PDB file of N, CA and C in Angstrom:
ATOM      1  N   MET A   1       1.219  -1.180  -0.117  1.00  0.00           N
ATOM      2  CA  MET A   1      -0.143   0.076  -0.220  1.00  0.00           C
ATOM      3  C   MET A   1       0.701   1.195  -0.066  1.00  0.00           C
ATOM      4  N   ARG A   2       0.512   2.216  -0.939  1.00  0.00           N
ATOM      5  CA  ARG A   2       1.149   3.363  -0.870  1.00  0.00           C
ATOM      6  C   ARG A   2       0.713   4.384   0.198  1.00  0.00           C
ATOM      7  N   LEU A   3       1.591   5.230   0.501  1.00  0.00           N
ATOM      8  CA  LEU A   3       1.185   6.364   1.332  1.00  0.00           C
ATOM      9  C   LEU A   3       1.691   7.780   0.717  1.00  0.00           C
ATOM     10  N   LEU A   4       0.593   8.488   0.617  1.00  0.00           N
ATOM     11  CA  LEU A   4       0.743   9.764   0.254  1.00  0.00           C
ATOM     12  C   LEU A   4       1.907  10.565   1.277  1.00  0.00           C
ATOM     13  N   GLU A   5       2.523  11.556   0.737  1.00  0.00           N
ATOM     14  CA  GLU A   5       3.305  12.251   1.760  1.00  0.00           C
ATOM     15  C   GLU A   5       2.725  12.710   2.849  1.00  0.00           C
ATOM     16  N   SER A   6       1.449  13.034   2.970  1.00  0.00           N
ATOM     17  CA  SER A   6       0.627  13.295   4.223  1.00  0.00           C
ATOM     18  C   SER A   6       0.641  11.976   5.046  1.00  0.00           C
ATOM     19  N   GLY A   7       0.755  10.777   4.727  1.00  0.00           N
ATOM     20  CA  GLY A   7       0.642   9.681   5.215  1.00  0.00           C
ATOM     21  C   GLY A   7      -0.533   9.084   4.878  1.00  0.00           C
ATOM     22  N   SER A   8      -1.581   9.548   4.085  1.00  0.00           N
ATOM     23  CA  SER A   8      -2.551   9.022   4.046  1.00  0.00           C
ATOM     24  C   SER A   8      -2.658   7.810   2.538  1.00  0.00           C
ATOM     25  N   VAL A   9      -3.792   7.179   2.422  1.00  0.00           N
ATOM     26  CA  VAL A   9      -4.376   6.267   1.514  1.00  0.00           C
ATOM     27  C   VAL A   9      -5.412   6.849   0.706  1.00  0.00           C
ATOM     28  N   VAL A  10      -5.110   6.522  -0.551  1.00  0.00           N
ATOM     29  CA  VAL A  10      -6.504   7.086  -1.641  1.00  0.00           C
ATOM     30  C   VAL A  10      -7.055   5.728  -2.035  1.00  0.00           C
ATOM     31  N   TYR A  11      -8.708   5.592  -2.093  1.00  0.00           N
ATOM     32  CA  TYR A  11      -9.040   4.552  -2.524  1.00  0.00           C
ATOM     33  C   TYR A  11     -10.280   5.076  -3.297  1.00  0.00           C
ATOM     34  N   GLU A  12     -10.581   4.111  -4.313  1.00  0.00           N
ATOM     35  CA  GLU A  12     -11.770   4.419  -5.026  1.00  0.00           C
ATOM     36  C   GLU A  12     -12.772   3.565  -4.815  1.00  0.00           C
ATOM     37  N   ILE A  13     -13.888   3.960  -4.162  1.00  0.00           N
ATOM     38  CA  ILE A  13     -15.128   3.410  -3.227  1.00  0.00           C
ATOM     39  C   ILE A  13     -16.454   3.362  -4.344  1.00  0.00           C
ATOM     40  N   ILE A  14     -16.752   2.038  -4.547  1.00  0.00           N
ATOM     41  CA  ILE A  14     -17.777   1.566  -5.193  1.00  0.00           C
ATOM     42  C   ILE A  14     -18.668   1.028  -4.436  1.00  0.00           C
ATOM     43  N   VAL A  15     -19.934   1.498  -4.723  1.00  0.00           N
ATOM     44  CA  VAL A  15     -21.118   1.275  -3.337  1.00  0.00           C
ATOM     45  C   VAL A  15     -21.716  -0.019  -4.278  1.00  0.00           C
ATOM     46  N   THR A  16     -22.003  -1.078  -3.779  1.00  0.00           N
ATOM     47  CA  THR A  16     -22.302  -2.567  -4.426  1.00  0.00           C
ATOM     48  C   THR A  16     -23.456  -2.799  -4.083  1.00  0.00           C
ATOM     49  N   ALA A  17     -23.864  -2.047  -2.916  1.00  0.00           N
ATOM     50  CA  ALA A  17     -25.217  -2.605  -2.122  1.00  0.00           C
ATOM     51  C   ALA A  17     -25.850  -1.675  -1.206  1.00  0.00           C
ATOM     52  N   SER A  18     -27.279  -1.800  -1.513  1.00  0.00           N
ATOM     53  CA  SER A  18     -27.914  -0.628  -0.324  1.00  0.00           C
ATOM     54  C   SER A  18     -29.339  -1.243  -0.122  1.00  0.00           C
ATOM     55  N   ALA A  19     -29.336  -1.815   1.107  1.00  0.00           N
ATOM     56  CA  ALA A  19     -30.983  -2.212   1.218  1.00  0.00           C
ATOM     57  C   ALA A  19     -31.827  -0.985   1.451  1.00  0.00           C
ATOM     58  N   LEU A  20     -31.269   0.017   1.906  1.00  0.00           N
ATOM     59  CA  LEU A  20     -31.708   1.332   2.430  1.00  0.00           C
ATOM     60  C   LEU A  20     -32.463   2.168   1.109  1.00  0.00           C
ATOM     61  N   ASP A  21     -31.253   2.168   0.409  1.00  0.00           N
ATOM     62  CA  ASP A  21     -31.615   3.050  -1.066  1.00  0.00           C
ATOM     63  C   ASP A  21     -30.880   2.399  -2.125  1.00  0.00           C
ATOM     64  N   PRO A  22     -31.694   1.632  -3.048  1.00  0.00           N
ATOM     65  CA  PRO A  22     -31.145   0.722  -4.198  1.00  0.00           C
ATOM     66  C   PRO A  22     -30.516   1.809  -4.965  1.00  0.00           C
ATOM     67  N   GLY A  23     -30.916   3.214  -4.888  1.00  0.00           N
ATOM     68  CA  GLY A  23     -30.615   3.919  -5.973  1.00  0.00           C
ATOM     69  C   GLY A  23     -29.150   4.618  -5.831  1.00  0.00           C
ATOM     70  N   VAL A  24     -28.482   4.310  -4.817  1.00  0.00           N
ATOM     71  CA  VAL A  24     -27.030   4.418  -4.732  1.00  0.00           C
ATOM     72  C   VAL A  24     -26.193   3.209  -4.973  1.00  0.00           C
ATOM     73  N   SER A  25     -26.760   2.257  -5.381  1.00  0.00           N
ATOM     74  CA  SER A  25     -25.824   1.263  -5.914  1.00  0.00           C
ATOM     75  C   SER A  25     -25.085   1.480  -7.214  1.00  0.00           C
ATOM     76  N   GLY A  26     -23.845   1.292  -7.435  1.00  0.00           N
ATOM     77  CA  GLY A  26     -23.226   1.537  -8.756  1.00  0.00           C
ATOM     78  C   GLY A  26     -22.252   3.169  -8.588  1.00  0.00           C
ATOM     79  N   ASN A  27     -22.755   3.663  -7.402  1.00  0.00           N
ATOM     80  CA  ASN A  27     -22.066   5.054  -6.994  1.00  0.00           C
ATOM     81  C   ASN A  27     -20.540   4.904  -6.946  1.00  0.00           C
ATOM     82  N   ARG A  28     -19.733   5.917  -7.170  1.00  0.00           N
ATOM     83  CA  ARG A  28     -18.259   5.743  -7.084  1.00  0.00           C
ATOM     84  C   ARG A  28     -17.820   7.024  -6.200  1.00  0.00           C
ATOM     85  N   PHE A  29     -16.849   7.144  -5.614  1.00  0.00           N
ATOM     86  CA  PHE A  29     -16.171   8.151  -5.363  1.00  0.00           C
ATOM     87  C   PHE A  29     -14.819   8.016  -4.553  1.00  0.00           C
ATOM     88  N   GLU A  30     -14.134   9.259  -4.430  1.00  0.00           N
ATOM     89  CA  GLU A  30     -12.648   8.777  -3.948  1.00  0.00           C
ATOM     90  C   GLU A  30     -12.612   9.010  -2.402  1.00  0.00           C
ATOM     91  N   LEU A  31     -12.029   8.395  -1.566  1.00  0.00           N
ATOM     92  CA  LEU A  31     -11.863   8.395  -0.361  1.00  0.00           C
ATOM     93  C   LEU A  31     -10.295   8.557   0.287  1.00  0.00           C
ATOM     94  N   GLU A  32      -9.752   9.440   0.961  1.00  0.00           N
ATOM     95  CA  GLU A  32      -8.592   9.632   1.363  1.00  0.00           C
ATOM     96  C   GLU A  32      -8.530   9.639   2.645  1.00  0.00           C
ATOM     97  N   ARG A  33      -7.852   8.591   3.453  1.00  0.00           N
ATOM     98  CA  ARG A  33      -7.966   8.214   4.751  1.00  0.00           C
ATOM     99  C   ARG A  33      -6.709   8.153   5.221  1.00  0.00           C
ATOM    100  N   ASP A  34      -6.370   8.426   6.864  1.00  0.00           N
ATOM    101  CA  ASP A  34      -5.198   8.312   7.442  1.00  0.00           C
ATOM    102  C   ASP A  34      -4.730   6.782   7.739  1.00  0.00           C
ATOM    103  N   GLU A  35      -5.843   5.978   7.861  1.00  0.00           N
ATOM    104  CA  GLU A  35      -5.478   4.604   8.026  1.00  0.00           C
ATOM    105  C   GLU A  35      -6.413   3.834   6.755  1.00  0.00           C
ATOM    106  N   PRO A  36      -5.425   2.469   6.756  1.00  0.00           N
ATOM    107  CA  PRO A  36      -6.234   1.518   5.396  1.00  0.00           C
ATOM    108  C   PRO A  36      -7.387   1.269   5.972  1.00  0.00           C
ATOM    109  N   LEU A  37      -8.484   0.708   5.291  1.00  0.00           N
ATOM    110  CA  LEU A  37      -9.691   0.465   5.344  1.00  0.00           C
ATOM    111  C   LEU A  37      -9.594  -1.508   5.574  1.00  0.00           C
ATOM    112  N   GLU A  38     -10.549  -1.949   5.990  1.00  0.00           N
ATOM    113  CA  GLU A  38     -10.364  -3.631   6.099  1.00  0.00           C
ATOM    114  C   GLU A  38     -11.615  -4.243   6.067  1.00  0.00           C
ATOM    115  N   GLN A  39     -12.054  -5.269   5.585  1.00  0.00           N
ATOM    116  CA  GLN A  39     -13.083  -6.031   5.366  1.00  0.00           C
ATOM    117  C   GLN A  39     -14.031  -5.792   6.529  1.00  0.00           C
ATOM    118  N   GLY A  40     -15.390  -5.608   6.615  1.00  0.00           N
ATOM    119  CA  GLY A  40     -16.173  -5.644   7.655  1.00  0.00           C
ATOM    120  C   GLY A  40     -16.121  -4.285   8.430  1.00  0.00           C
ATOM    121  N   GLN A  41     -15.053  -3.310   8.097  1.00  0.00           N
ATOM    122  CA  GLN A  41     -15.091  -1.963   8.858  1.00  0.00           C
ATOM    123  C   GLN A  41     -16.120  -1.312   8.255  1.00  0.00           C
ATOM    124  N   ARG A  42     -16.996  -0.006   9.325  1.00  0.00           N
ATOM    125  CA  ARG A  42     -17.479   0.901   8.794  1.00  0.00           C
ATOM    126  C   ARG A  42     -17.003   2.119   8.718  1.00  0.00           C
ATOM    127  N   PHE A  43     -17.418   3.206   8.077  1.00  0.00           N
ATOM    128  CA  PHE A  43     -16.896   4.318   7.929  1.00  0.00           C
ATOM    129  C   PHE A  43     -17.744   5.439   7.601  1.00  0.00           C
ATOM    130  N   LEU A  44     -17.578   6.868   7.795  1.00  0.00           N
ATOM    131  CA  LEU A  44     -18.666   7.823   7.287  1.00  0.00           C
ATOM    132  C   LEU A  44     -17.732   8.520   5.949  1.00  0.00           C
ATOM    133  N   GLN A  45     -18.798   8.906   5.385  1.00  0.00           N
ATOM    134  CA  GLN A  45     -18.677   9.776   4.049  1.00  0.00           C
ATOM    135  C   GLN A  45     -19.626  10.680   3.706  1.00  0.00           C
ATOM    136  N   GLY A  46     -19.305  12.051   4.316  1.00  0.00           N
ATOM    137  CA  GLY A  46     -20.509  12.804   4.299  1.00  0.00           C
ATOM    138  C   GLY A  46     -21.743  12.433   5.334  1.00  0.00           C
ATOM    139  N   ASP A  47     -22.764  12.439   5.089  1.00  0.00           N
ATOM    140  CA  ASP A  47     -23.764  12.067   5.906  1.00  0.00           C
ATOM    141  C   ASP A  47     -24.127  10.690   5.612  1.00  0.00           C
ATOM    142  N   MET A  48     -23.314   9.902   5.241  1.00  0.00           N
ATOM    143  CA  MET A  48     -23.838   8.604   4.729  1.00  0.00           C
ATOM    144  C   MET A  48     -22.533   7.375   5.172  1.00  0.00           C
ATOM    145  N   SER A  49     -23.337   6.486   5.828  1.00  0.00           N
ATOM    146  CA  SER A  49     -22.486   5.318   6.561  1.00  0.00           C
ATOM    147  C   SER A  49     -22.348   4.035   5.553  1.00  0.00           C
ATOM    148  N   TYR A  50     -21.170   3.463   5.417  1.00  0.00           N
ATOM    149  CA  TYR A  50     -20.709   2.286   4.427  1.00  0.00           C
ATOM    150  C   TYR A  50     -20.078   1.417   5.336  1.00  0.00           C
ATOM    151  N   ARG A  51     -20.171   0.077   5.017  1.00  0.00           N
ATOM    152  CA  ARG A  51     -19.695  -1.091   5.498  1.00  0.00           C
ATOM    153  C   ARG A  51     -18.486  -1.706   4.156  1.00  0.00           C
ATOM    154  N   VAL A  52     -17.408  -2.135   4.716  1.00  0.00           N
ATOM    155  CA  VAL A  52     -16.370  -2.520   3.714  1.00  0.00           C
ATOM    156  C   VAL A  52     -16.863  -4.012   3.476  1.00  0.00           C
ATOM    157  N   LEU A  53     -17.175  -4.236   2.184  1.00  0.00           N
ATOM    158  CA  LEU A  53     -17.410  -5.626   1.603  1.00  0.00           C
ATOM    159  C   LEU A  53     -16.397  -6.366   1.189  1.00  0.00           C
ATOM    160  N   ARG A  54     -15.748  -5.577   0.465  1.00  0.00           N
ATOM    161  CA  ARG A  54     -14.184  -6.283  -0.035  1.00  0.00           C
ATOM    162  C   ARG A  54     -12.855  -5.127  -0.322  1.00  0.00           C
ATOM    163  N   VAL A  55     -11.950  -5.601  -0.246  1.00  0.00           N
ATOM    164  CA  VAL A  55     -10.889  -4.852  -0.587  1.00  0.00           C
ATOM    165  C   VAL A  55      -9.887  -5.660  -1.831  1.00  0.00           C
ATOM    166  N   LEU A  56     -10.242  -4.689  -2.681  1.00  0.00           N
ATOM    167  CA  LEU A  56      -9.544  -5.308  -4.077  1.00  0.00           C
ATOM    168  C   LEU A  56      -7.844  -4.329  -4.089  1.00  0.00           C
ATOM    169  N   PRO A  57      -6.928  -4.880  -4.728  1.00  0.00           N
ATOM    170  CA  PRO A  57      -5.375  -4.569  -4.738  1.00  0.00           C
ATOM    171  C   PRO A  57      -5.541  -3.201  -5.754  1.00  0.00           C
ATOM    172  N   GLU A  58      -4.349  -2.348  -5.183  1.00  0.00           N
ATOM    173  CA  GLU A  58      -4.031  -1.212  -5.780  1.00  0.00           C
ATOM    174  C   GLU A  58      -3.795  -1.393  -7.260  1.00  0.00           C
ATOM    175  N   ASN A  59      -3.991   0.067  -8.028  1.00  0.00           N
ATOM    176  CA  ASN A  59      -4.004   0.027  -9.060  1.00  0.00           C
ATOM    177  C   ASN A  59      -3.191   1.139  -9.671  1.00  0.00           C
ATOM    178  N   ASP A  60      -2.993   1.694 -10.586  1.00  0.00           N
ATOM    179  CA  ASP A  60      -2.308   2.731 -11.170  1.00  0.00           C
ATOM    180  C   ASP A  60      -2.545   4.145 -10.550  1.00  0.00           C
ATOM    181  N   GLU A  61      -4.028   4.141 -10.418  1.00  0.00           N
ATOM    182  CA  GLU A  61      -4.568   5.343  -9.669  1.00  0.00           C
ATOM    183  C   GLU A  61      -4.907   5.612  -8.634  1.00  0.00           C
ATOM    184  N   TYR A  62      -4.959   4.347  -7.996  1.00  0.00           N
ATOM    185  CA  TYR A  62      -5.517   4.419  -6.665  1.00  0.00           C
ATOM    186  C   TYR A  62      -4.693   3.297  -5.691  1.00  0.00           C
ATOM    187  N   ASP A  63      -4.666   3.451  -4.365  1.00  0.00           N
ATOM    188  CA  ASP A  63      -4.082   2.668  -3.439  1.00  0.00           C
ATOM    189  C   ASP A  63      -4.709   1.302  -3.396  1.00  0.00           C
ATOM    190  N   GLY A  64      -6.036   1.459  -3.688  1.00  0.00           N
ATOM    191  CA  GLY A  64      -7.017  -0.118  -3.564  1.00  0.00           C
ATOM    192  C   GLY A  64      -8.454   0.568  -3.888  1.00  0.00           C
ATOM    193  N   VAL A  65      -9.255  -0.566  -4.440  1.00  0.00           N
ATOM    194  CA  VAL A  65     -10.407  -0.476  -4.897  1.00  0.00           C
ATOM    195  C   VAL A  65     -11.359  -0.786  -3.533  1.00  0.00           C
ATOM    196  N   ILE A  66     -12.353  -0.037  -3.050  1.00  0.00           N
ATOM    197  CA  ILE A  66     -13.146  -0.814  -1.951  1.00  0.00           C
ATOM    198  C   ILE A  66     -14.333  -1.201  -2.396  1.00  0.00           C
ATOM    199  N   GLU A  67     -15.232  -2.289  -2.445  1.00  0.00           N
ATOM    200  CA  GLU A  67     -16.617  -2.460  -2.366  1.00  0.00           C
ATOM    201  C   GLU A  67     -17.214  -2.272  -1.510  1.00  0.00           C
ATOM    202  N   VAL A  68     -18.288  -1.608  -1.213  1.00  0.00           N
ATOM    203  CA  VAL A  68     -18.955  -1.183   0.192  1.00  0.00           C
ATOM    204  C   VAL A  68     -20.305  -1.446   0.112  1.00  0.00           C
ATOM    205  N   GLU A  69     -20.971  -1.264   1.215  1.00  0.00           N
ATOM    206  CA  GLU A  69     -22.499  -1.461   1.068  1.00  0.00           C
ATOM    207  C   GLU A  69     -23.018  -0.002   1.993  1.00  0.00           C
ATOM    208  N   HIS A  70     -23.920   0.584   1.253  1.00  0.00           N
ATOM    209  CA  HIS A  70     -24.409   1.736   2.097  1.00  0.00           C
ATOM    210  C   HIS A  70     -25.310   1.025   3.072  1.00  0.00           C
ATOM    211  N   VAL A  71     -24.902   1.512   4.646  1.00  0.00           N
ATOM    212  CA  VAL A  71     -25.628   1.161   5.714  1.00  0.00           C
ATOM    213  C   VAL A  71     -26.588   1.994   6.233  1.00  0.00           C
ATOM    214  N   GLY A  72     -26.570   3.244   5.971  1.00  0.00           N
ATOM    215  CA  GLY A  72     -27.238   4.425   6.881  1.00  0.00           C
ATOM    216  C   GLY A  72     -26.715   5.566   6.742  1.00  0.00           C
ATOM    217  N   GLY A  73     -27.293   6.451   7.873  1.00  0.00           N
ATOM    218  CA  GLY A  73     -26.615   7.573   8.327  1.00  0.00           C
ATOM    219  C   GLY A  73     -25.661   7.282   9.168  1.00  0.00           C
ATOM    220  N   PRO A  74     -25.187   8.631  10.048  1.00  0.00           N
ATOM    221  CA  PRO A  74     -23.995   8.809  10.794  1.00  0.00           C
ATOM    222  C   PRO A  74     -24.528   8.220  12.200  1.00  0.00           C
ATOM    223  N   THR A  75     -25.623   7.771  12.593  1.00  0.00           N
ATOM    224  CA  THR A  75     -25.610   6.923  13.795  1.00  0.00           C
ATOM    225  C   THR A  75     -25.633   5.558  13.406  1.00  0.00           C
ATOM    226  N   GLU A  76     -25.515   5.235  12.258  1.00  0.00           N
ATOM    227  CA  GLU A  76     -25.506   3.766  12.053  1.00  0.00           C
ATOM    228  C   GLU A  76     -24.046   3.360  12.270  1.00  0.00           C
ATOM    229  N   VAL A  77     -22.702   4.055  12.022  1.00  0.00           N
ATOM    230  CA  VAL A  77     -21.409   3.518  12.168  1.00  0.00           C
ATOM    231  C   VAL A  77     -21.280   2.962  13.251  1.00  0.00           C
ATOM    232  N   GLY A  78     -21.616   3.091  14.564  1.00  0.00           N
ATOM    233  CA  GLY A  78     -21.245   2.029  15.522  1.00  0.00           C
ATOM    234  C   GLY A  78     -21.787   0.853  15.875  1.00  0.00           C
ATOM    235  N   ARG A  79     -22.922   0.396  15.081  1.00  0.00           N
ATOM    236  CA  ARG A  79     -23.760  -0.572  15.383  1.00  0.00           C
ATOM    237  C   ARG A  79     -23.300  -1.801  14.089  1.00  0.00           C
ATOM    238  N   GLY A  80     -23.412  -3.055  14.843  1.00  0.00           N
ATOM    239  CA  GLY A  80     -22.991  -4.134  13.979  1.00  0.00           C
ATOM    240  C   GLY A  80     -21.645  -4.392  13.931  1.00  0.00           C
TER     241      GLY A  80
END
């Protein structure tokens, strides 16, 4: 895993599932973090909460590609 000069890693996030809002499936966004993400981990992006389903290897553009499930709003991060 590469680290930016700031010590951060940059992921491409792909939303592959959402029981709450099927319309968000297929969305993609970039996420910069100070620490790597792991399978099963939850995180916030804006006002949305996601759970990591799968971590794929880095490519030329990103430190990794992460498939996630949309699990709710900010209050949902600590659950499950």
